[in-house]
Amino acid sequence: MSRVHWTPLAVARRVVALLGASAGEEMLDVGAGVGKVCLIGALCSGARWRGLELRVRLIEAARRAAQDLGVADRARFVQTDVTEFA
């Protein structure tokens, strides 16, 4: 299912490059899933990334990946319904 639902690594890298995120900026990924764009962004830029996702299991996976990759300080994930996020 990952080929269908999750962002391919090459696409995540391209998104980060196109956004041109730099140190001090905060980027938001709505519907972050397992956080691939945020994780790649934290690895490839100095920006801080926040991913919003409704599904708890995906948020847990994203948080574990951020810890494992050493970017938990710049890639954070919030379990929320985006229609209720302030």
Protein backbone atom coordinates (compact mmCIF):
# COMPACT_ATOMS: atom_id res chain seq x y z
CA MET A 1 0.00 0.00 0.00
CA SER A 2 2.91 2.41 0.53
CA ARG A 3 3.34 2.83 -3.23
CA VAL A 4 -0.24 4.01 -3.45
CA HIS A 5 -0.66 6.11 -0.31
CA TRP A 6 2.73 7.32 0.84
CA THR A 7 4.88 9.96 -0.79
CA PRO A 8 7.83 8.50 -2.72
CA LEU A 9 11.21 9.61 -1.40
CA ALA A 10 12.12 11.39 -4.65
CA VAL A 11 8.87 13.38 -4.50
CA ALA A 12 9.46 14.35 -0.86
CA ARG A 13 12.96 15.59 -1.73
CA ARG A 14 11.59 17.60 -4.65
CA VAL A 15 8.87 19.16 -2.47
CA VAL A 16 11.45 20.26 0.09
CA ALA A 17 13.67 21.71 -2.66
CA LEU A 18 10.77 23.59 -4.26
CA LEU A 19 9.65 25.03 -0.93
CA GLY A 20 13.14 26.38 -0.32
CA ALA A 21 12.70 26.05 3.43
CA SER A 22 15.49 27.68 5.38
CA ALA A 23 16.65 27.91 8.98
CA GLY A 24 14.19 29.64 11.25
CA GLU A 25 11.16 28.91 9.09
CA GLU A 26 8.34 26.64 10.21
CA MET A 27 6.69 24.41 7.63
CA LEU A 28 3.31 22.70 8.00
CA ASP A 29 2.27 19.42 6.37
CA VAL A 30 -1.48 18.86 6.62
CA GLY A 31 -2.33 15.18 6.26
CA ALA A 32 1.26 14.18 7.01
CA GLY A 33 0.67 10.44 7.14
CA VAL A 34 3.87 8.80 8.41
CA GLY A 35 5.67 12.13 8.07
CA LYS A 36 7.96 11.50 5.11
CA VAL A 37 7.90 15.10 3.82
CA CYS A 38 8.55 16.49 7.31
CA LEU A 39 11.32 13.97 7.96
CA ILE A 40 13.05 14.67 4.64
CA GLY A 41 12.59 18.39 5.23
CA ALA A 42 14.22 18.17 8.65
CA LEU A 43 17.11 16.15 7.21
CA CYS A 44 17.66 18.43 4.19
CA SER A 45 16.94 21.92 5.52
CA GLY A 46 17.36 24.00 8.63
CA ALA A 47 13.61 24.60 8.93
CA ARG A 48 11.31 23.19 11.59
CA TRP A 49 8.54 20.92 10.28
CA ARG A 50 5.18 20.10 11.82
CA GLY A 51 2.97 17.35 10.49
CA LEU A 52 -0.73 17.12 11.23
CA GLU A 53 -2.43 13.74 10.91
CA LEU A 54 -5.69 12.24 12.10
CA ARG A 55 -4.59 8.60 12.35
CA VAL A 56 -2.83 7.78 15.62
CA ARG A 57 -0.85 4.82 14.25
CA LEU A 58 0.69 6.99 11.53
CA ILE A 59 1.62 9.71 14.04
CA GLU A 60 3.29 7.12 16.26
CA ALA A 61 5.30 5.82 13.29
CA ALA A 62 6.31 9.38 12.31
CA ARG A 63 7.47 10.18 15.84
CA ARG A 64 9.53 6.97 16.04
CA ALA A 65 11.13 7.73 12.68
CA ALA A 66 11.98 11.28 13.78
CA GLN A 67 13.68 9.88 16.90
CA ASP A 68 15.54 7.22 14.91
CA LEU A 69 16.75 9.80 12.37
CA GLY A 70 17.80 12.30 15.05
CA VAL A 71 15.46 15.06 13.87
CA ALA A 72 12.77 14.97 16.57
CA ASP A 73 13.76 18.51 17.55
CA ARG A 74 12.85 19.81 14.05
CA ALA A 75 10.16 17.35 12.91
CA ARG A 76 7.16 17.21 15.21
CA PHE A 77 3.85 15.50 14.68
CA VAL A 78 0.41 16.31 16.05
CA GLN A 79 -2.54 13.94 16.03
CA THR A 80 -5.52 16.13 15.20
CA ASP A 81 -8.51 16.66 12.99
CA VAL A 82 -7.35 19.57 10.84
CA THR A 83 -10.81 21.13 10.94
CA GLU A 84 -10.26 21.60 14.70
CA PHE A 85 -6.57 22.61 14.72
CA ALA A 86 -5.89 26.18 15.82
